Amino acid sequence: MSNRLAAGRYGLIAAALLLRTALAAPPTPGSDDARFMAPYKAWITTQHDQYQIPCCDIGDGRPVDADMITMIDADHVRRTHWRAHVTPAHFPGQPDHWIIVPDEKIIVGANPTGSPILWLYHGLVQCFAPPAGT
């Protein structure tokens, strides 16, 4: 591959990442989410999934209701997964629904907020921090 083509690809990737960050809107000032998240901004903005991919920013992370659900997968094996409740109040533009959290998106380590936090971007789970003590 030519250097020019490689530079073009890297430029497109950089632009996409920059645009992604620009599209993430923080919680509305004065909202319950903003008040809840503000003390934890430094923690929220430095998290990453199990592949070391950043969760993004405070614009993508919100406190959610979450629980664990046991399902039988395609191989007829019972597996337990976290699921999170996505609501338009927390994620404007998203319908009210429950979403299964992929295991690799679960943040390992302490969650100082005490509440489950879901990072969602265009309907896709970026990261999930289980509630404290789980």
N, C-alpha and C. Protein backbone atom coordinates (compact mmCIF):
# COMPACT_ATOMS: atom_id res chain seq x y z
N MET A 1 0.85 -1.16 0.00
CA MET A 1 0.00 0.00 0.00
C MET A 1 0.90 1.23 0.00
N SER A 2 0.53 2.20 -0.76
CA SER A 2 1.34 3.41 -0.85
C SER A 2 1.20 4.25 0.41
N ASN A 3 2.23 5.06 0.66
CA ASN A 3 2.19 5.95 1.83
C ASN A 3 1.02 6.92 1.75
N ARG A 4 0.73 7.36 0.54
CA ARG A 4 -0.36 8.31 0.35
C ARG A 4 -1.71 7.68 0.70
N LEU A 5 -1.91 6.43 0.27
CA LEU A 5 -3.15 5.72 0.58
C LEU A 5 -3.26 5.46 2.08
N ALA A 6 -2.16 5.05 2.69
CA ALA A 6 -2.15 4.79 4.14
C ALA A 6 -2.45 6.07 4.90
N ALA A 7 -1.86 7.19 4.50
CA ALA A 7 -2.11 8.46 5.17
C ALA A 7 -3.57 8.86 5.04
N GLY A 8 -4.16 8.59 3.89
CA GLY A 8 -5.58 8.90 3.69
C GLY A 8 -6.48 8.08 4.60
N ARG A 9 -6.15 6.80 4.74
CA ARG A 9 -6.94 5.94 5.62
C ARG A 9 -6.83 6.39 7.07
N TYR A 10 -5.61 6.71 7.51
CA TYR A 10 -5.43 7.17 8.89
C TYR A 10 -6.14 8.49 9.11
N GLY A 11 -6.15 9.33 8.10
CA GLY A 11 -6.87 10.61 8.21
C GLY A 11 -8.36 10.40 8.37
N LEU A 12 -8.92 9.44 7.62
CA LEU A 12 -10.34 9.14 7.73
C LEU A 12 -10.68 8.56 9.11
N ILE A 13 -9.83 7.69 9.60
CA ILE A 13 -10.05 7.12 10.93
C ILE A 13 -10.00 8.21 11.99
N ALA A 14 -9.03 9.10 11.92
CA ALA A 14 -8.91 10.19 12.88
C ALA A 14 -10.14 11.09 12.81
N ALA A 15 -10.60 11.39 11.61
CA ALA A 15 -11.78 12.25 11.45
C ALA A 15 -13.01 11.58 12.03
N ALA A 16 -13.15 10.28 11.83
CA ALA A 16 -14.31 9.56 12.37
C ALA A 16 -14.30 9.58 13.89
N LEU A 17 -13.13 9.37 14.48
CA LEU A 17 -13.04 9.42 15.95
C LEU A 17 -13.34 10.81 16.48
N LEU A 18 -12.86 11.82 15.80
CA LEU A 18 -13.12 13.20 16.22
C LEU A 18 -14.60 13.51 16.10
N LEU A 19 -15.24 13.09 15.01
CA LEU A 19 -16.66 13.32 14.82
C LEU A 19 -17.46 12.58 15.88
N ARG A 20 -17.05 11.36 16.19
CA ARG A 20 -17.75 10.58 17.21
C ARG A 20 -17.76 11.32 18.53
N THR A 21 -16.62 11.86 18.92
CA THR A 21 -16.54 12.61 20.16
C THR A 21 -17.40 13.85 20.09
N ALA A 22 -17.40 14.52 18.94
CA ALA A 22 -18.17 15.75 18.80
C ALA A 22 -19.67 15.49 18.87
N LEU A 23 -20.14 14.29 18.47
CA LEU A 23 -21.56 13.99 18.47
C LEU A 23 -22.08 13.63 19.85
N ALA A 24 -21.23 13.20 20.75
CA ALA A 24 -21.66 12.80 22.07
C ALA A 24 -22.01 14.03 22.89
N ALA A 25 -23.26 14.10 23.30
CA ALA A 25 -23.71 15.26 24.07
C ALA A 25 -23.74 14.92 25.55
N PRO A 26 -23.18 15.78 26.37
CA PRO A 26 -23.24 15.53 27.81
C PRO A 26 -24.68 15.67 28.30
N PRO A 27 -24.95 15.20 29.51
CA PRO A 27 -26.31 15.35 30.04
C PRO A 27 -26.70 16.84 30.08
N THR A 28 -27.97 17.10 29.94
CA THR A 28 -28.46 18.47 29.99
C THR A 28 -28.09 19.09 31.34
N PRO A 29 -27.48 20.28 31.33
CA PRO A 29 -27.12 20.93 32.61
C PRO A 29 -28.33 21.03 33.53
N GLY A 30 -28.12 20.68 34.77
CA GLY A 30 -29.19 20.73 35.76
C GLY A 30 -30.06 19.50 35.81
N SER A 31 -29.88 18.57 34.85
CA SER A 31 -30.69 17.34 34.84
C SER A 31 -30.22 16.40 35.95
N ASP A 32 -31.06 15.42 36.24
CA ASP A 32 -30.68 14.42 37.25
C ASP A 32 -29.39 13.71 36.84
N ASP A 33 -29.27 13.37 35.54
CA ASP A 33 -28.05 12.70 35.06
C ASP A 33 -26.83 13.59 35.27
N ALA A 34 -26.94 14.87 34.95
CA ALA A 34 -25.81 15.80 35.10
C ALA A 34 -25.39 15.91 36.56
N ARG A 35 -26.36 16.03 37.45
CA ARG A 35 -26.04 16.13 38.88
C ARG A 35 -25.40 14.84 39.39
N PHE A 36 -25.91 13.71 38.94
CA PHE A 36 -25.38 12.43 39.39
C PHE A 36 -23.96 12.20 38.87
N MET A 37 -23.73 12.52 37.60
CA MET A 37 -22.46 12.19 36.95
C MET A 37 -21.33 13.18 37.28
N ALA A 38 -21.65 14.42 37.55
CA ALA A 38 -20.62 15.47 37.72
C ALA A 38 -19.50 15.09 38.68
N PRO A 39 -19.79 14.57 39.87
CA PRO A 39 -18.69 14.24 40.79
C PRO A 39 -17.77 13.13 40.29
N TYR A 40 -18.22 12.37 39.30
CA TYR A 40 -17.46 11.22 38.81
C TYR A 40 -16.89 11.44 37.41
N LYS A 41 -16.90 12.67 36.93
CA LYS A 41 -16.49 12.95 35.55
C LYS A 41 -15.10 12.39 35.24
N ALA A 42 -14.14 12.58 36.13
CA ALA A 42 -12.77 12.10 35.89
C ALA A 42 -12.76 10.58 35.73
N TRP A 43 -13.53 9.88 36.55
CA TRP A 43 -13.59 8.43 36.44
C TRP A 43 -14.30 8.01 35.16
N ILE A 44 -15.44 8.63 34.88
CA ILE A 44 -16.25 8.28 33.71
C ILE A 44 -15.48 8.47 32.42
N THR A 45 -14.71 9.52 32.31
CA THR A 45 -14.02 9.84 31.06
C THR A 45 -12.72 9.06 30.86
N THR A 46 -12.34 8.24 31.83
CA THR A 46 -11.08 7.48 31.68
C THR A 46 -11.30 5.97 31.62
N GLN A 47 -12.53 5.54 31.51
CA GLN A 47 -12.81 4.10 31.49
C GLN A 47 -12.63 3.51 30.09
N HIS A 48 -12.42 2.20 30.04
CA HIS A 48 -12.25 1.49 28.78
C HIS A 48 -12.79 0.07 28.94
N ASP A 49 -13.09 -0.57 27.80
CA ASP A 49 -13.61 -1.93 27.86
C ASP A 49 -12.45 -2.91 28.04
N GLN A 50 -12.74 -4.19 27.98
CA GLN A 50 -11.71 -5.20 28.23
C GLN A 50 -10.69 -5.32 27.10
N TYR A 51 -10.96 -4.66 25.96
CA TYR A 51 -10.00 -4.60 24.86
C TYR A 51 -9.21 -3.29 24.89
N GLN A 52 -9.37 -2.54 25.96
CA GLN A 52 -8.70 -1.25 26.16
C GLN A 52 -9.22 -0.16 25.22
N ILE A 53 -10.41 -0.34 24.67
CA ILE A 53 -11.04 0.68 23.84
C ILE A 53 -11.75 1.65 24.77
N PRO A 54 -11.46 2.96 24.65
CA PRO A 54 -12.10 3.93 25.55
C PRO A 54 -13.63 3.90 25.45
N CYS A 55 -14.26 4.08 26.58
CA CYS A 55 -15.73 4.11 26.61
C CYS A 55 -16.25 5.39 25.97
N CYS A 56 -15.48 6.36 25.87
CA CYS A 56 -15.74 7.67 25.27
C CYS A 56 -15.79 8.70 26.37
N ASP A 57 -16.84 9.47 26.42
CA ASP A 57 -16.86 10.63 27.30
C ASP A 57 -18.13 10.63 28.13
N ILE A 58 -18.28 11.66 28.90
CA ILE A 58 -19.46 11.79 29.75
C ILE A 58 -20.73 11.91 28.92
N GLY A 59 -20.58 12.26 27.64
CA GLY A 59 -21.74 12.36 26.76
C GLY A 59 -22.38 11.03 26.45
N ASP A 60 -21.64 9.93 26.60
CA ASP A 60 -22.16 8.60 26.26
C ASP A 60 -22.57 7.80 27.48
N GLY A 61 -22.06 8.12 28.65
CA GLY A 61 -22.33 7.35 29.85
C GLY A 61 -23.49 7.91 30.65
N ARG A 62 -24.36 7.03 31.11
CA ARG A 62 -25.50 7.44 31.91
C ARG A 62 -25.79 6.38 32.97
N PRO A 63 -26.32 6.80 34.12
CA PRO A 63 -26.78 5.81 35.10
C PRO A 63 -28.03 5.13 34.55
N VAL A 64 -28.13 3.83 34.77
CA VAL A 64 -29.27 3.06 34.26
C VAL A 64 -29.71 2.04 35.30
N ASP A 65 -30.89 1.50 35.09
CA ASP A 65 -31.30 0.32 35.83
C ASP A 65 -30.67 -0.87 35.11
N ALA A 66 -30.25 -1.86 35.86
CA ALA A 66 -29.63 -3.03 35.26
C ALA A 66 -29.90 -4.24 36.14
N ASP A 67 -29.87 -5.40 35.52
CA ASP A 67 -29.99 -6.64 36.26
C ASP A 67 -29.26 -7.73 35.48
N MET A 68 -29.26 -8.91 36.06
CA MET A 68 -28.64 -10.05 35.39
C MET A 68 -29.74 -10.98 34.92
N ILE A 69 -29.53 -11.55 33.75
CA ILE A 69 -30.52 -12.43 33.15
C ILE A 69 -29.80 -13.69 32.66
N THR A 70 -30.43 -14.84 32.87
CA THR A 70 -29.87 -16.10 32.38
C THR A 70 -30.64 -16.50 31.13
N MET A 71 -29.88 -16.79 30.09
CA MET A 71 -30.47 -17.14 28.80
C MET A 71 -29.84 -18.44 28.31
N ILE A 72 -30.53 -19.12 27.44
CA ILE A 72 -29.97 -20.30 26.78
C ILE A 72 -29.53 -19.86 25.40
N ASP A 73 -28.24 -20.02 25.10
CA ASP A 73 -27.71 -19.54 23.81
C ASP A 73 -27.95 -20.57 22.71
N ALA A 74 -27.45 -20.25 21.52
CA ALA A 74 -27.65 -21.11 20.35
C ALA A 74 -27.07 -22.51 20.53
N ASP A 75 -26.07 -22.64 21.41
CA ASP A 75 -25.46 -23.94 21.68
C ASP A 75 -26.16 -24.67 22.83
N HIS A 76 -27.30 -24.14 23.26
CA HIS A 76 -28.10 -24.70 24.35
C HIS A 76 -27.35 -24.69 25.69
N VAL A 77 -26.53 -23.67 25.86
CA VAL A 77 -25.79 -23.49 27.11
C VAL A 77 -26.41 -22.31 27.86
N ARG A 78 -26.63 -22.51 29.14
CA ARG A 78 -27.18 -21.42 29.97
C ARG A 78 -26.05 -20.44 30.29
N ARG A 79 -26.29 -19.17 29.99
CA ARG A 79 -25.30 -18.13 30.27
C ARG A 79 -26.00 -16.97 30.96
N THR A 80 -25.29 -16.37 31.89
CA THR A 80 -25.83 -15.21 32.61
C THR A 80 -25.16 -13.96 32.08
N HIS A 81 -25.97 -12.96 31.77
CA HIS A 81 -25.48 -11.70 31.22
C HIS A 81 -26.09 -10.52 31.98
N TRP A 82 -25.38 -9.42 31.96
CA TRP A 82 -25.96 -8.17 32.42
C TRP A 82 -26.86 -7.64 31.31
N ARG A 83 -27.92 -6.99 31.71
CA ARG A 83 -28.73 -6.25 30.75
C ARG A 83 -29.02 -4.89 31.38
N ALA A 84 -29.14 -3.89 30.53
CA ALA A 84 -29.33 -2.52 30.98
C ALA A 84 -30.59 -1.94 30.34
N HIS A 85 -31.26 -1.09 31.10
CA HIS A 85 -32.49 -0.48 30.63
C HIS A 85 -32.16 0.86 29.97
N VAL A 86 -32.37 0.92 28.67
CA VAL A 86 -32.15 2.14 27.88
C VAL A 86 -33.47 2.88 27.82
N THR A 87 -33.46 4.14 28.21
CA THR A 87 -34.68 4.96 28.16
C THR A 87 -34.40 6.27 27.44
N PRO A 88 -35.43 6.84 26.80
CA PRO A 88 -35.24 8.14 26.14
C PRO A 88 -34.82 9.24 27.12
N ALA A 89 -35.19 9.11 28.38
CA ALA A 89 -34.80 10.12 29.37
C ALA A 89 -33.29 10.17 29.55
N HIS A 90 -32.65 9.02 29.50
CA HIS A 90 -31.19 8.96 29.65
C HIS A 90 -30.46 9.05 28.32
N PHE A 91 -31.06 8.51 27.28
CA PHE A 91 -30.44 8.47 25.95
C PHE A 91 -31.43 9.01 24.92
N PRO A 92 -31.47 10.34 24.76
CA PRO A 92 -32.42 10.94 23.81
C PRO A 92 -32.29 10.31 22.42
N GLY A 93 -33.45 10.05 21.83
CA GLY A 93 -33.47 9.45 20.50
C GLY A 93 -33.52 7.93 20.52
N GLN A 94 -33.30 7.33 21.68
CA GLN A 94 -33.36 5.87 21.80
C GLN A 94 -34.74 5.45 22.31
N PRO A 95 -35.27 4.36 21.78
CA PRO A 95 -36.54 3.85 22.32
C PRO A 95 -36.32 3.20 23.68
N ASP A 96 -37.39 3.07 24.43
CA ASP A 96 -37.33 2.41 25.73
C ASP A 96 -37.18 0.91 25.50
N HIS A 97 -36.05 0.33 25.94
CA HIS A 97 -35.82 -1.11 25.76
C HIS A 97 -34.70 -1.58 26.69
N TRP A 98 -34.61 -2.89 26.84
CA TRP A 98 -33.52 -3.51 27.57
C TRP A 98 -32.51 -4.01 26.55
N ILE A 99 -31.22 -3.89 26.89
CA ILE A 99 -30.16 -4.32 25.98
C ILE A 99 -29.20 -5.24 26.74
N ILE A 100 -28.81 -6.33 26.09
CA ILE A 100 -27.85 -7.27 26.68
C ILE A 100 -26.46 -6.65 26.54
N VAL A 101 -25.69 -6.70 27.61
CA VAL A 101 -24.34 -6.15 27.62
C VAL A 101 -23.35 -7.25 27.22
N PRO A 102 -22.62 -7.06 26.13
CA PRO A 102 -21.58 -8.05 25.78
C PRO A 102 -20.53 -8.14 26.90
N ASP A 103 -20.10 -9.35 27.21
CA ASP A 103 -19.16 -9.55 28.32
C ASP A 103 -17.90 -8.70 28.19
N GLU A 104 -17.40 -8.53 26.96
CA GLU A 104 -16.16 -7.78 26.78
C GLU A 104 -16.32 -6.28 27.01
N LYS A 105 -17.57 -5.82 27.15
CA LYS A 105 -17.84 -4.39 27.37
C LYS A 105 -17.98 -4.05 28.85
N ILE A 106 -17.88 -5.08 29.70
CA ILE A 106 -18.01 -4.87 31.14
C ILE A 106 -16.69 -4.37 31.71
N ILE A 107 -16.75 -3.27 32.41
CA ILE A 107 -15.57 -2.68 33.03
C ILE A 107 -15.23 -3.49 34.28
N VAL A 108 -13.98 -3.89 34.36
CA VAL A 108 -13.50 -4.64 35.51
C VAL A 108 -12.92 -3.64 36.51
N GLY A 109 -13.32 -3.76 37.75
CA GLY A 109 -12.82 -2.84 38.77
C GLY A 109 -13.96 -2.13 39.46
N ALA A 110 -13.60 -1.35 40.45
CA ALA A 110 -14.58 -0.66 41.28
C ALA A 110 -15.33 0.41 40.50
N ASN A 111 -16.60 0.53 40.79
CA ASN A 111 -17.46 1.57 40.23
C ASN A 111 -17.77 2.53 41.38
N PRO A 112 -17.13 3.70 41.42
CA PRO A 112 -17.31 4.60 42.56
C PRO A 112 -18.70 5.24 42.64
N THR A 113 -19.48 5.16 41.57
CA THR A 113 -20.81 5.79 41.59
C THR A 113 -21.80 4.99 42.41
N GLY A 114 -21.56 3.67 42.53
CA GLY A 114 -22.48 2.81 43.24
C GLY A 114 -23.65 2.36 42.39
N SER A 115 -23.85 2.97 41.24
CA SER A 115 -24.97 2.65 40.34
C SER A 115 -24.43 2.11 39.02
N PRO A 116 -25.21 1.29 38.34
CA PRO A 116 -24.76 0.83 37.02
C PRO A 116 -24.66 2.01 36.05
N ILE A 117 -23.59 2.02 35.26
CA ILE A 117 -23.38 3.07 34.25
C ILE A 117 -23.25 2.38 32.90
N LEU A 118 -24.02 2.88 31.93
CA LEU A 118 -23.98 2.36 30.57
C LEU A 118 -23.47 3.44 29.64
N TRP A 119 -22.47 3.10 28.84
CA TRP A 119 -21.99 3.98 27.77
C TRP A 119 -22.61 3.45 26.49
N LEU A 120 -23.46 4.25 25.87
CA LEU A 120 -24.17 3.83 24.67
C LEU A 120 -23.91 4.85 23.58
N TYR A 121 -23.62 4.37 22.39
CA TYR A 121 -23.37 5.27 21.26
C TYR A 121 -24.07 4.71 20.03
N HIS A 122 -25.00 5.46 19.50
CA HIS A 122 -25.80 5.03 18.34
C HIS A 122 -26.42 3.65 18.59
N GLY A 123 -26.89 3.43 19.81
CA GLY A 123 -27.56 2.19 20.15
C GLY A 123 -26.66 1.02 20.45
N LEU A 124 -25.34 1.22 20.39
CA LEU A 124 -24.39 0.14 20.65
C LEU A 124 -23.73 0.33 22.01
N VAL A 125 -23.61 -0.74 22.75
CA VAL A 125 -22.96 -0.69 24.05
C VAL A 125 -21.46 -0.47 23.85
N GLN A 126 -20.96 0.60 24.42
CA GLN A 126 -19.52 0.88 24.38
C GLN A 126 -18.85 0.30 25.62
N CYS A 127 -19.49 0.47 26.77
CA CYS A 127 -18.99 -0.06 28.04
C CYS A 127 -20.16 -0.16 29.02
N PHE A 128 -19.92 -0.92 30.09
CA PHE A 128 -20.90 -1.03 31.15
C PHE A 128 -20.15 -1.24 32.46
N ALA A 129 -20.47 -0.42 33.44
CA ALA A 129 -19.89 -0.57 34.78
C ALA A 129 -20.99 -1.11 35.69
N PRO A 130 -20.83 -2.35 36.16
CA PRO A 130 -21.84 -2.91 37.08
C PRO A 130 -21.90 -2.07 38.36
N PRO A 131 -23.00 -2.19 39.07
CA PRO A 131 -23.10 -1.44 40.33
C PRO A 131 -22.06 -1.92 41.32
N ALA A 132 -21.75 -1.07 42.28
CA ALA A 132 -20.75 -1.41 43.30
C ALA A 132 -21.20 -2.66 44.05
N GLY A 133 -20.22 -3.49 44.39
CA GLY A 133 -20.49 -4.68 45.18
C GLY A 133 -20.92 -5.90 44.38
N THR A 134 -20.80 -5.82 43.03
CA THR A 134 -21.18 -6.99 42.24
C THR A 134 -19.98 -7.59 41.54
